[in-house]
All heavy atoms as atom14 arrays in JSON, in Angstrom:
{
  "sequence": "AAIAAVAGTRATVRRTGDRIGVVLDATGLAPAARDALEAAVKAA",
  "atom14_mask": [
    [1, 1, 1, 1, 1, 0, 0, 0, 0, 0, 0, 0, 0, 0],
    [1, 1, 1, 1, 1, 0, 0, 0, 0, 0, 0, 0, 0, 0],
    [1, 1, 1, 1, 1, 1, 1, 1, 0, 0, 0, 0, 0, 0],
    [1, 1, 1, 1, 1, 0, 0, 0, 0, 0, 0, 0, 0, 0],
    [1, 1, 1, 1, 1, 0, 0, 0, 0, 0, 0, 0, 0, 0],
    [1, 1, 1, 1, 1, 1, 1, 0, 0, 0, 0, 0, 0, 0],
    [1, 1, 1, 1, 1, 0, 0, 0, 0, 0, 0, 0, 0, 0],
    [1, 1, 1, 1, 0, 0, 0, 0, 0, 0, 0, 0, 0, 0],
    [1, 1, 1, 1, 1, 1, 1, 0, 0, 0, 0, 0, 0, 0],
    [1, 1, 1, 1, 1, 1, 1, 1, 1, 1, 1, 0, 0, 0],
    [1, 1, 1, 1, 1, 0, 0, 0, 0, 0, 0, 0, 0, 0],
    [1, 1, 1, 1, 1, 1, 1, 0, 0, 0, 0, 0, 0, 0],
    [1, 1, 1, 1, 1, 1, 1, 0, 0, 0, 0, 0, 0, 0],
    [1, 1, 1, 1, 1, 1, 1, 1, 1, 1, 1, 0, 0, 0],
    [1, 1, 1, 1, 1, 1, 1, 1, 1, 1, 1, 0, 0, 0],
    [1, 1, 1, 1, 1, 1, 1, 0, 0, 0, 0, 0, 0, 0],
    [1, 1, 1, 1, 0, 0, 0, 0, 0, 0, 0, 0, 0, 0],
    [1, 1, 1, 1, 1, 1, 1, 1, 0, 0, 0, 0, 0, 0],
    [1, 1, 1, 1, 1, 1, 1, 1, 1, 1, 1, 0, 0, 0],
    [1, 1, 1, 1, 1, 1, 1, 1, 0, 0, 0, 0, 0, 0],
    [1, 1, 1, 1, 0, 0, 0, 0, 0, 0, 0, 0, 0, 0],
    [1, 1, 1, 1, 1, 1, 1, 0, 0, 0, 0, 0, 0, 0],
    [1, 1, 1, 1, 1, 1, 1, 0, 0, 0, 0, 0, 0, 0],
    [1, 1, 1, 1, 1, 1, 1, 1, 0, 0, 0, 0, 0, 0],
    [1, 1, 1, 1, 1, 1, 1, 1, 0, 0, 0, 0, 0, 0],
    [1, 1, 1, 1, 1, 0, 0, 0, 0, 0, 0, 0, 0, 0],
    [1, 1, 1, 1, 1, 1, 1, 0, 0, 0, 0, 0, 0, 0],
    [1, 1, 1, 1, 0, 0, 0, 0, 0, 0, 0, 0, 0, 0],
    [1, 1, 1, 1, 1, 1, 1, 1, 0, 0, 0, 0, 0, 0],
    [1, 1, 1, 1, 1, 0, 0, 0, 0, 0, 0, 0, 0, 0],
    [1, 1, 1, 1, 1, 1, 1, 0, 0, 0, 0, 0, 0, 0],
    [1, 1, 1, 1, 1, 0, 0, 0, 0, 0, 0, 0, 0, 0],
    [1, 1, 1, 1, 1, 0, 0, 0, 0, 0, 0, 0, 0, 0],
    [1, 1, 1, 1, 1, 1, 1, 1, 1, 1, 1, 0, 0, 0],
    [1, 1, 1, 1, 1, 1, 1, 1, 0, 0, 0, 0, 0, 0],
    [1, 1, 1, 1, 1, 0, 0, 0, 0, 0, 0, 0, 0, 0],
    [1, 1, 1, 1, 1, 1, 1, 1, 0, 0, 0, 0, 0, 0],
    [1, 1, 1, 1, 1, 1, 1, 1, 1, 0, 0, 0, 0, 0],
    [1, 1, 1, 1, 1, 0, 0, 0, 0, 0, 0, 0, 0, 0],
    [1, 1, 1, 1, 1, 0, 0, 0, 0, 0, 0, 0, 0, 0],
    [1, 1, 1, 1, 1, 1, 1, 0, 0, 0, 0, 0, 0, 0],
    [1, 1, 1, 1, 1, 1, 1, 1, 1, 0, 0, 0, 0, 0],
    [1, 1, 1, 1, 1, 0, 0, 0, 0, 0, 0, 0, 0, 0],
    [1, 1, 1, 1, 1, 0, 0, 0, 0, 0, 0, 0, 0, 0]
  ],
  "atom14_positions": [
    [[99.49, 89.09, 106.24], [98.28, 88.39, 106.61], [98.39, 87.75, 108.01], [97.36, 87.83, 108.8], [97.98, 87.33, 105.55], [0.0, 0.0, 0.0], [0.0, 0.0, 0.0], [0.0, 0.0, 0.0], [0.0, 0.0, 0.0], [0.0, 0.0, 0.0], [0.0, 0.0, 0.0], [0.0, 0.0, 0.0], [0.0, 0.0, 0.0], [0.0, 0.0, 0.0]],
    [[99.5, 87.16, 108.28], [99.69, 86.49, 109.61], [99.62, 87.56, 110.77], [98.99, 87.23, 111.8], [100.99, 85.77, 109.64], [0.0, 0.0, 0.0], [0.0, 0.0, 0.0], [0.0, 0.0, 0.0], [0.0, 0.0, 0.0], [0.0, 0.0, 0.0], [0.0, 0.0, 0.0], [0.0, 0.0, 0.0], [0.0, 0.0, 0.0], [0.0, 0.0, 0.0]],
    [[100.25, 88.68, 110.55], [100.22, 89.7, 111.54], [98.92, 90.41, 111.76], [98.43, 90.63, 112.8], [101.31, 90.71, 111.25], [102.72, 90.08, 111.44], [101.24, 91.94, 112.18], [103.87, 90.89, 111.09], [0.0, 0.0, 0.0], [0.0, 0.0, 0.0], [0.0, 0.0, 0.0], [0.0, 0.0, 0.0], [0.0, 0.0, 0.0], [0.0, 0.0, 0.0]],
    [[98.2, 90.63, 110.56], [96.9, 91.22, 110.64], [95.92, 90.41, 111.44], [95.03, 90.9, 112.07], [96.38, 91.5, 109.26], [0.0, 0.0, 0.0], [0.0, 0.0, 0.0], [0.0, 0.0, 0.0], [0.0, 0.0, 0.0], [0.0, 0.0, 0.0], [0.0, 0.0, 0.0], [0.0, 0.0, 0.0], [0.0, 0.0, 0.0], [0.0, 0.0, 0.0]],
    [[96.14, 89.04, 111.37], [95.22, 88.12, 112.12], [95.29, 88.35, 113.61], [94.34, 88.04, 114.32], [95.51, 86.73, 111.7], [0.0, 0.0, 0.0], [0.0, 0.0, 0.0], [0.0, 0.0, 0.0], [0.0, 0.0, 0.0], [0.0, 0.0, 0.0], [0.0, 0.0, 0.0], [0.0, 0.0, 0.0], [0.0, 0.0, 0.0], [0.0, 0.0, 0.0]],
    [[96.41, 88.75, 114.09], [96.56, 88.88, 115.53], [96.6, 90.34, 116.01], [96.32, 90.62, 117.16], [97.85, 88.15, 116.07], [97.75, 86.68, 115.77], [99.1, 88.76, 115.37], [0.0, 0.0, 0.0], [0.0, 0.0, 0.0], [0.0, 0.0, 0.0], [0.0, 0.0, 0.0], [0.0, 0.0, 0.0], [0.0, 0.0, 0.0], [0.0, 0.0, 0.0]],
    [[96.94, 91.25, 115.1], [97.09, 92.68, 115.52], [96.13, 93.66, 114.82], [96.07, 94.77, 115.19], [98.53, 93.12, 115.28], [0.0, 0.0, 0.0], [0.0, 0.0, 0.0], [0.0, 0.0, 0.0], [0.0, 0.0, 0.0], [0.0, 0.0, 0.0], [0.0, 0.0, 0.0], [0.0, 0.0, 0.0], [0.0, 0.0, 0.0], [0.0, 0.0, 0.0]],
    [[95.49, 93.22, 113.78], [94.55, 94.11, 113.09], [95.26, 95.28, 112.48], [96.39, 95.23, 111.94], [0.0, 0.0, 0.0], [0.0, 0.0, 0.0], [0.0, 0.0, 0.0], [0.0, 0.0, 0.0], [0.0, 0.0, 0.0], [0.0, 0.0, 0.0], [0.0, 0.0, 0.0], [0.0, 0.0, 0.0], [0.0, 0.0, 0.0], [0.0, 0.0, 0.0]],
    [[94.64, 96.46, 112.72], [95.18, 97.72, 112.17], [96.24, 98.34, 113.08], [96.81, 99.4, 112.7], [94.03, 98.77, 111.97], [93.39, 98.96, 113.34], [93.03, 98.24, 111.07], [0.0, 0.0, 0.0], [0.0, 0.0, 0.0], [0.0, 0.0, 0.0], [0.0, 0.0, 0.0], [0.0, 0.0, 0.0], [0.0, 0.0, 0.0], [0.0, 0.0, 0.0]],
    [[96.58, 97.78, 114.18], [97.65, 98.27, 115.0], [99.01, 98.01, 114.46], [100.02, 98.58, 114.93], [97.52, 97.64, 116.41], [96.4, 98.23, 117.25], [96.46, 97.69, 118.66], [95.45, 98.25, 119.56], [95.65, 99.38, 120.23], [96.81, 100.09, 120.14], [94.69, 99.91, 120.92], [0.0, 0.0, 0.0], [0.0, 0.0, 0.0], [0.0, 0.0, 0.0]],
    [[99.12, 97.16, 113.47], [100.46, 96.75, 112.93], [100.66, 97.25, 111.59], [99.73, 97.23, 110.71], [100.63, 95.23, 112.95], [0.0, 0.0, 0.0], [0.0, 0.0, 0.0], [0.0, 0.0, 0.0], [0.0, 0.0, 0.0], [0.0, 0.0, 0.0], [0.0, 0.0, 0.0], [0.0, 0.0, 0.0], [0.0, 0.0, 0.0], [0.0, 0.0, 0.0]],
    [[101.84, 97.76, 111.26], [102.24, 98.21, 109.93], [103.51, 97.42, 109.56], [104.44, 97.4, 110.28], [102.57, 99.73, 109.92], [101.42, 100.43, 110.32], [102.94, 100.14, 108.47], [0.0, 0.0, 0.0], [0.0, 0.0, 0.0], [0.0, 0.0, 0.0], [0.0, 0.0, 0.0], [0.0, 0.0, 0.0], [0.0, 0.0, 0.0], [0.0, 0.0, 0.0]],
    [[103.5, 96.75, 108.39], [104.51, 95.9, 107.94], [105.31, 96.58, 106.91], [104.71, 97.15, 105.91], [104.03, 94.54, 107.45], [105.2, 93.69, 107.02], [103.2, 93.84, 108.55], [0.0, 0.0, 0.0], [0.0, 0.0, 0.0], [0.0, 0.0, 0.0], [0.0, 0.0, 0.0], [0.0, 0.0, 0.0], [0.0, 0.0, 0.0], [0.0, 0.0, 0.0]],
    [[106.66, 96.66, 107.03], [107.49, 97.35, 106.04], [108.68, 96.41, 105.75], [109.26, 95.78, 106.57], [108.04, 98.67, 106.57], [106.9, 99.67, 106.93], [107.49, 100.8, 107.71], [106.48, 101.84, 108.05], [106.61, 102.77, 108.9], [107.73, 102.87, 109.63], [105.66, 103.69, 109.11], [0.0, 0.0, 0.0], [0.0, 0.0, 0.0], [0.0, 0.0, 0.0]],
    [[109.07, 96.42, 104.45], [110.26, 95.61, 104.07], [111.35, 96.61, 103.65], [111.15, 97.52, 102.8], [109.94, 94.69, 102.92], [111.13, 93.88, 102.4], [110.81, 92.96, 101.27], [110.01, 91.81, 101.65], [110.63, 90.74, 102.19], [111.9, 90.62, 102.39], [109.82, 89.73, 102.5], [0.0, 0.0, 0.0], [0.0, 0.0, 0.0], [0.0, 0.0, 0.0]],
    [[112.56, 96.34, 104.18], [113.74, 97.1, 103.77], [114.8, 96.11, 103.33], [115.46, 95.47, 104.2], [114.29, 97.98, 104.93], [113.28, 98.86, 105.36], [115.46, 98.8, 104.52], [0.0, 0.0, 0.0], [0.0, 0.0, 0.0], [0.0, 0.0, 0.0], [0.0, 0.0, 0.0], [0.0, 0.0, 0.0], [0.0, 0.0, 0.0], [0.0, 0.0, 0.0]],
    [[115.01, 95.94, 102.03], [115.88, 94.9, 101.52], [115.36, 93.51, 101.93], [114.28, 93.16, 101.57], [0.0, 0.0, 0.0], [0.0, 0.0, 0.0], [0.0, 0.0, 0.0], [0.0, 0.0, 0.0], [0.0, 0.0, 0.0], [0.0, 0.0, 0.0], [0.0, 0.0, 0.0], [0.0, 0.0, 0.0], [0.0, 0.0, 0.0], [0.0, 0.0, 0.0]],
    [[116.22, 92.75, 102.65], [115.8, 91.42, 103.02], [115.16, 91.37, 104.42], [114.76, 90.35, 104.93], [117.04, 90.48, 103.11], [117.61, 90.25, 101.73], [116.86, 90.42, 100.72], [118.82, 89.95, 101.63], [0.0, 0.0, 0.0], [0.0, 0.0, 0.0], [0.0, 0.0, 0.0], [0.0, 0.0, 0.0], [0.0, 0.0, 0.0], [0.0, 0.0, 0.0]],
    [[115.1, 92.56, 105.04], [114.53, 92.61, 106.41], [113.09, 93.05, 106.45], [112.72, 94.03, 105.75], [115.4, 93.6, 107.27], [114.97, 93.64, 108.72], [115.89, 94.62, 109.48], [117.24, 94.11, 109.49], [117.64, 93.17, 110.34], [116.85, 92.62, 111.24], [118.97, 92.79, 110.27], [0.0, 0.0, 0.0], [0.0, 0.0, 0.0], [0.0, 0.0, 0.0]],
    [[112.26, 92.41, 107.22], [110.89, 92.81, 107.42], [110.78, 93.41, 108.81], [111.18, 92.81, 109.82], [109.95, 91.56, 107.23], [109.93, 91.1, 105.84], [108.55, 91.99, 107.65], [109.08, 89.87, 105.66], [0.0, 0.0, 0.0], [0.0, 0.0, 0.0], [0.0, 0.0, 0.0], [0.0, 0.0, 0.0], [0.0, 0.0, 0.0], [0.0, 0.0, 0.0]],
    [[110.17, 94.6, 108.84], [109.98, 95.29, 110.13], [108.46, 95.46, 110.37], [107.69, 95.66, 109.44], [0.0, 0.0, 0.0], [0.0, 0.0, 0.0], [0.0, 0.0, 0.0], [0.0, 0.0, 0.0], [0.0, 0.0, 0.0], [0.0, 0.0, 0.0], [0.0, 0.0, 0.0], [0.0, 0.0, 0.0], [0.0, 0.0, 0.0], [0.0, 0.0, 0.0]],
    [[108.08, 95.4, 111.63], [106.7, 95.61, 112.01], [106.67, 96.73, 113.06], [107.27, 96.63, 114.1], [106.09, 94.35, 112.7], [104.62, 94.56, 113.08], [106.18, 93.16, 111.66], [0.0, 0.0, 0.0], [0.0, 0.0, 0.0], [0.0, 0.0, 0.0], [0.0, 0.0, 0.0], [0.0, 0.0, 0.0], [0.0, 0.0, 0.0], [0.0, 0.0, 0.0]],
    [[105.93, 97.76, 112.74], [105.7, 98.84, 113.74], [104.32, 98.62, 114.37], [103.33, 98.58, 113.7], [105.74, 100.17, 113.05], [105.47, 101.37, 114.06], [107.06, 100.46, 112.36], [0.0, 0.0, 0.0], [0.0, 0.0, 0.0], [0.0, 0.0, 0.0], [0.0, 0.0, 0.0], [0.0, 0.0, 0.0], [0.0, 0.0, 0.0], [0.0, 0.0, 0.0]],
    [[104.35, 98.35, 115.62], [103.13, 97.99, 116.39], [102.7, 99.16, 117.28], [103.41, 99.55, 118.17], [103.42, 96.74, 117.29], [102.28, 96.06, 117.98], [101.27, 95.57, 116.94], [102.74, 94.91, 118.8], [0.0, 0.0, 0.0], [0.0, 0.0, 0.0], [0.0, 0.0, 0.0], [0.0, 0.0, 0.0], [0.0, 0.0, 0.0], [0.0, 0.0, 0.0]],
    [[101.51, 99.66, 117.06], [100.98, 100.81, 117.81], [100.31, 100.32, 119.03], [99.23, 99.71, 118.96], [99.95, 101.54, 116.88], [99.36, 102.82, 117.69], [99.89, 103.18, 118.7], [98.41, 103.36, 117.14], [0.0, 0.0, 0.0], [0.0, 0.0, 0.0], [0.0, 0.0, 0.0], [0.0, 0.0, 0.0], [0.0, 0.0, 0.0], [0.0, 0.0, 0.0]],
    [[100.93, 100.6, 120.2], [100.42, 100.12, 121.46], [99.69, 101.24, 122.26], [99.5, 101.18, 123.47], [101.48, 99.5, 122.33], [0.0, 0.0, 0.0], [0.0, 0.0, 0.0], [0.0, 0.0, 0.0], [0.0, 0.0, 0.0], [0.0, 0.0, 0.0], [0.0, 0.0, 0.0], [0.0, 0.0, 0.0], [0.0, 0.0, 0.0], [0.0, 0.0, 0.0]],
    [[99.34, 102.36, 121.55], [98.73, 103.45, 122.21], [97.47, 103.04, 122.99], [96.61, 102.39, 122.43], [98.38, 104.6, 121.21], [99.61, 105.02, 120.56], [97.74, 105.79, 121.86], [0.0, 0.0, 0.0], [0.0, 0.0, 0.0], [0.0, 0.0, 0.0], [0.0, 0.0, 0.0], [0.0, 0.0, 0.0], [0.0, 0.0, 0.0], [0.0, 0.0, 0.0]],
    [[97.35, 103.47, 124.27], [96.18, 103.2, 125.09], [96.08, 101.83, 125.63], [95.19, 101.6, 126.44], [0.0, 0.0, 0.0], [0.0, 0.0, 0.0], [0.0, 0.0, 0.0], [0.0, 0.0, 0.0], [0.0, 0.0, 0.0], [0.0, 0.0, 0.0], [0.0, 0.0, 0.0], [0.0, 0.0, 0.0], [0.0, 0.0, 0.0], [0.0, 0.0, 0.0]],
    [[97.02, 100.93, 125.42], [97.01, 99.64, 125.94], [97.72, 99.57, 127.34], [98.74, 100.25, 127.54], [97.7, 98.63, 125.01], [97.1, 98.33, 123.65], [97.93, 97.32, 122.86], [95.64, 97.85, 123.81], [0.0, 0.0, 0.0], [0.0, 0.0, 0.0], [0.0, 0.0, 0.0], [0.0, 0.0, 0.0], [0.0, 0.0, 0.0], [0.0, 0.0, 0.0]],
    [[97.15, 98.72, 128.19], [97.8, 98.53, 129.5], [99.11, 97.7, 129.25], [99.22, 97.02, 128.26], [96.89, 97.79, 130.46], [0.0, 0.0, 0.0], [0.0, 0.0, 0.0], [0.0, 0.0, 0.0], [0.0, 0.0, 0.0], [0.0, 0.0, 0.0], [0.0, 0.0, 0.0], [0.0, 0.0, 0.0], [0.0, 0.0, 0.0], [0.0, 0.0, 0.0]],
    [[100.06, 97.82, 130.12], [101.3, 97.08, 129.93], [101.12, 95.62, 129.64], [101.81, 95.02, 128.74], [102.08, 97.32, 131.22], [101.55, 98.54, 131.75], [100.11, 98.63, 131.35], [0.0, 0.0, 0.0], [0.0, 0.0, 0.0], [0.0, 0.0, 0.0], [0.0, 0.0, 0.0], [0.0, 0.0, 0.0], [0.0, 0.0, 0.0], [0.0, 0.0, 0.0]],
    [[100.27, 94.93, 130.31], [100.02, 93.46, 130.12], [99.52, 93.2, 128.7], [99.93, 92.27, 128.03], [99.13, 92.91, 131.22], [0.0, 0.0, 0.0], [0.0, 0.0, 0.0], [0.0, 0.0, 0.0], [0.0, 0.0, 0.0], [0.0, 0.0, 0.0], [0.0, 0.0, 0.0], [0.0, 0.0, 0.0], [0.0, 0.0, 0.0], [0.0, 0.0, 0.0]],
    [[98.53, 94.08, 128.3], [97.98, 93.87, 126.96], [98.94, 94.19, 125.86], [99.01, 93.47, 124.81], [96.69, 94.76, 126.8], [0.0, 0.0, 0.0], [0.0, 0.0, 0.0], [0.0, 0.0, 0.0], [0.0, 0.0, 0.0], [0.0, 0.0, 0.0], [0.0, 0.0, 0.0], [0.0, 0.0, 0.0], [0.0, 0.0, 0.0], [0.0, 0.0, 0.0]],
    [[99.79, 95.24, 126.11], [100.82, 95.57, 125.11], [101.83, 94.36, 124.99], [102.17, 94.07, 123.87], [101.55, 96.81, 125.61], [102.68, 97.28, 124.73], [103.5, 98.33, 125.48], [104.12, 97.76, 126.64], [104.28, 98.41, 127.8], [103.85, 99.64, 127.95], [104.94, 97.83, 128.79], [0.0, 0.0, 0.0], [0.0, 0.0, 0.0], [0.0, 0.0, 0.0]],
    [[102.26, 93.84, 126.13], [103.23, 92.73, 126.1], [102.63, 91.48, 125.39], [103.29, 90.85, 124.6], [103.68, 92.34, 127.51], [104.44, 93.47, 128.17], [104.98, 94.37, 127.44], [104.61, 93.42, 129.4], [0.0, 0.0, 0.0], [0.0, 0.0, 0.0], [0.0, 0.0, 0.0], [0.0, 0.0, 0.0], [0.0, 0.0, 0.0], [0.0, 0.0, 0.0]],
    [[101.33, 91.23, 125.66], [100.69, 90.1, 124.98], [100.56, 90.31, 123.53], [100.77, 89.36, 122.78], [99.28, 89.88, 125.63], [0.0, 0.0, 0.0], [0.0, 0.0, 0.0], [0.0, 0.0, 0.0], [0.0, 0.0, 0.0], [0.0, 0.0, 0.0], [0.0, 0.0, 0.0], [0.0, 0.0, 0.0], [0.0, 0.0, 0.0], [0.0, 0.0, 0.0]],
    [[100.26, 91.48, 123.07], [100.12, 91.77, 121.68], [101.49, 91.66, 120.98], [101.57, 91.02, 119.91], [99.59, 93.16, 121.45], [99.36, 93.63, 119.97], [98.35, 92.68, 119.29], [98.83, 95.08, 119.94], [0.0, 0.0, 0.0], [0.0, 0.0, 0.0], [0.0, 0.0, 0.0], [0.0, 0.0, 0.0], [0.0, 0.0, 0.0], [0.0, 0.0, 0.0]],
    [[102.54, 92.17, 121.62], [103.89, 92.07, 121.06], [104.25, 90.6, 120.86], [104.86, 90.17, 119.9], [104.89, 92.82, 121.9], [106.31, 92.84, 121.34], [107.32, 93.57, 122.26], [106.91, 94.06, 123.28], [108.5, 93.64, 121.82], [0.0, 0.0, 0.0], [0.0, 0.0, 0.0], [0.0, 0.0, 0.0], [0.0, 0.0, 0.0], [0.0, 0.0, 0.0]],
    [[104.02, 89.76, 121.92], [104.37, 88.37, 121.89], [103.61, 87.66, 120.77], [104.14, 86.82, 120.06], [104.02, 87.7, 123.22], [0.0, 0.0, 0.0], [0.0, 0.0, 0.0], [0.0, 0.0, 0.0], [0.0, 0.0, 0.0], [0.0, 0.0, 0.0], [0.0, 0.0, 0.0], [0.0, 0.0, 0.0], [0.0, 0.0, 0.0], [0.0, 0.0, 0.0]],
    [[102.33, 87.98, 120.62], [101.51, 87.39, 119.57], [102.09, 87.69, 118.19], [102.08, 86.82, 117.31], [100.09, 87.82, 119.69], [0.0, 0.0, 0.0], [0.0, 0.0, 0.0], [0.0, 0.0, 0.0], [0.0, 0.0, 0.0], [0.0, 0.0, 0.0], [0.0, 0.0, 0.0], [0.0, 0.0, 0.0], [0.0, 0.0, 0.0], [0.0, 0.0, 0.0]],
    [[102.47, 88.93, 117.95], [103.07, 89.36, 116.7], [104.38, 88.65, 116.41], [104.65, 88.16, 115.29], [103.21, 90.88, 116.64], [103.99, 91.26, 115.37], [101.86, 91.58, 116.58], [0.0, 0.0, 0.0], [0.0, 0.0, 0.0], [0.0, 0.0, 0.0], [0.0, 0.0, 0.0], [0.0, 0.0, 0.0], [0.0, 0.0, 0.0], [0.0, 0.0, 0.0]],
    [[105.14, 88.54, 117.44], [106.51, 87.83, 117.27], [106.32, 86.39, 116.96], [107.03, 85.79, 116.22], [107.32, 88.05, 118.52], [107.93, 89.4, 118.69], [108.76, 89.58, 119.91], [109.35, 90.92, 120.03], [110.24, 91.11, 121.22], [0.0, 0.0, 0.0], [0.0, 0.0, 0.0], [0.0, 0.0, 0.0], [0.0, 0.0, 0.0], [0.0, 0.0, 0.0]],
    [[105.24, 85.8, 117.53], [104.96, 84.39, 117.31], [104.47, 84.21, 115.88], [104.78, 83.19, 115.2], [103.96, 83.88, 118.35], [0.0, 0.0, 0.0], [0.0, 0.0, 0.0], [0.0, 0.0, 0.0], [0.0, 0.0, 0.0], [0.0, 0.0, 0.0], [0.0, 0.0, 0.0], [0.0, 0.0, 0.0], [0.0, 0.0, 0.0], [0.0, 0.0, 0.0]],
    [[103.66, 85.2, 115.44], [103.11, 85.03, 114.08], [104.1, 85.3, 112.96], [104.0, 84.72, 111.88], [101.97, 86.12, 113.95], [0.0, 0.0, 0.0], [0.0, 0.0, 0.0], [0.0, 0.0, 0.0], [0.0, 0.0, 0.0], [0.0, 0.0, 0.0], [0.0, 0.0, 0.0], [0.0, 0.0, 0.0], [0.0, 0.0, 0.0], [0.0, 0.0, 0.0]]
  ]
}
């Protein structure tokens, strides 16, 4: 829920054991927008 609020459908959340991974699709984004989106997901 927290990640969907900042990344919408660009993020896929997966759990492997105790670890949570997020695959973030940055296709088509400019470098600055990609970096901002990654930072927002990490903060969330």
